[in-house]
Amino acid sequence: MRVEELTAKVLKNNPKMDRYQLALAVSKRSDELLNGAKSKLNIDPKKVKAADLALMELAEGLIVVKGFVDIEK
C-alpha cells in the first residue's frame, strides 16, 4: 500500500486521532524499531524504512496509541 492509503486507513480506524498525533506515533514506533524492537509484521525490516514499517503496523492495528487527551475549550 502507498503511504497515503496507509495514513487514510489509520485515521479512519482512529477517528479521534489527527495527522499530528499520527506523526508522533509513527516517529515513536520508528525510533523503537531503529533501536532493535522486533516488527509485529512478517516483513524484513532491512528492506523497508522504519517509518513505513511503523505506519504499516499502525494501519493493521498491531500498535495501539495511548496517551493522547482531548483538551476541551
Protein backbone atom coordinates (compact mmCIF):
# COMPACT_ATOMS: atom_id res chain seq x y z
CA MET A 1 0.00 0.00 0.00
CA ARG A 2 1.04 3.56 -0.56
CA VAL A 3 1.76 5.90 2.33
CA GLU A 4 -1.36 7.95 1.60
CA GLU A 5 -3.54 4.84 1.72
CA LEU A 6 -1.97 3.66 4.97
CA THR A 7 -2.41 7.10 6.53
CA ALA A 8 -6.06 7.21 5.48
CA LYS A 9 -6.64 3.72 6.92
CA VAL A 10 -5.10 4.66 10.29
CA LEU A 11 -7.11 7.88 10.52
CA LYS A 12 -10.32 6.10 9.51
CA ASN A 13 -9.82 3.42 12.20
CA ASN A 14 -8.91 6.05 14.83
CA PRO A 15 -11.36 8.94 14.36
CA LYS A 16 -10.09 10.84 17.40
CA MET A 17 -6.50 10.86 16.08
CA ASP A 18 -5.34 13.70 13.87
CA ARG A 19 -2.37 13.81 11.48
CA TYR A 20 -0.11 15.44 14.06
CA GLN A 21 -0.76 12.67 16.58
CA LEU A 22 -0.23 10.08 13.85
CA ALA A 23 3.14 11.64 13.01
CA LEU A 24 4.15 11.46 16.68
CA ALA A 25 3.07 7.81 16.92
CA VAL A 26 4.94 6.86 13.74
CA SER A 27 8.03 8.69 14.97
CA LYS A 28 7.97 6.94 18.35
CA ARG A 29 7.48 3.48 16.84
CA SER A 30 10.10 4.19 14.18
CA ASP A 31 12.64 5.04 16.90
CA GLU A 32 11.78 1.81 18.69
CA LEU A 33 12.32 -0.21 15.51
CA LEU A 34 15.64 1.52 14.81
CA ASN A 35 16.76 0.73 18.36
CA GLY A 36 16.17 -3.00 17.94
CA ALA A 37 12.48 -3.62 18.62
CA LYS A 38 11.02 -6.54 16.68
CA SER A 39 8.48 -5.82 13.98
CA LYS A 40 4.99 -7.19 14.52
CA LEU A 41 4.68 -7.86 10.78
CA ASN A 42 6.38 -10.61 8.79
CA ILE A 43 8.44 -8.10 6.83
CA ASP A 44 12.22 -7.88 6.78
CA PRO A 45 12.99 -4.55 8.50
CA LYS A 46 16.16 -4.21 6.43
CA LYS A 47 14.11 -3.96 3.23
CA VAL A 48 11.60 -1.36 4.46
CA LYS A 49 12.19 2.03 6.04
CA ALA A 50 11.42 2.14 9.76
CA ALA A 51 8.82 4.90 9.34
CA ASP A 52 6.99 2.93 6.64
CA LEU A 53 7.06 -0.19 8.78
CA ALA A 54 5.70 1.74 11.77
CA LEU A 55 2.88 3.15 9.64
CA MET A 56 2.05 -0.34 8.34
CA GLU A 57 1.86 -1.67 11.91
CA LEU A 58 -0.46 1.17 12.91
CA ALA A 59 -2.65 0.63 9.84
CA GLU A 60 -3.04 -3.07 10.66
CA GLY A 61 -3.97 -2.25 14.25
CA LEU A 62 -0.96 -4.05 15.69
CA ILE A 63 0.18 -0.96 17.59
CA VAL A 64 -2.19 0.82 19.97
CA VAL A 65 -1.68 4.52 20.58
CA LYS A 66 -2.31 5.62 24.15
CA GLY A 67 -1.79 8.86 25.98
CA PHE A 68 -3.47 11.44 23.76
CA VAL A 69 -6.02 13.50 25.65
CA ASP A 70 -8.61 15.79 24.11
CA ILE A 71 -8.46 19.25 25.62
CA GLU A 72 -11.88 20.85 25.83
CA LYS A 73 -12.04 24.58 25.27
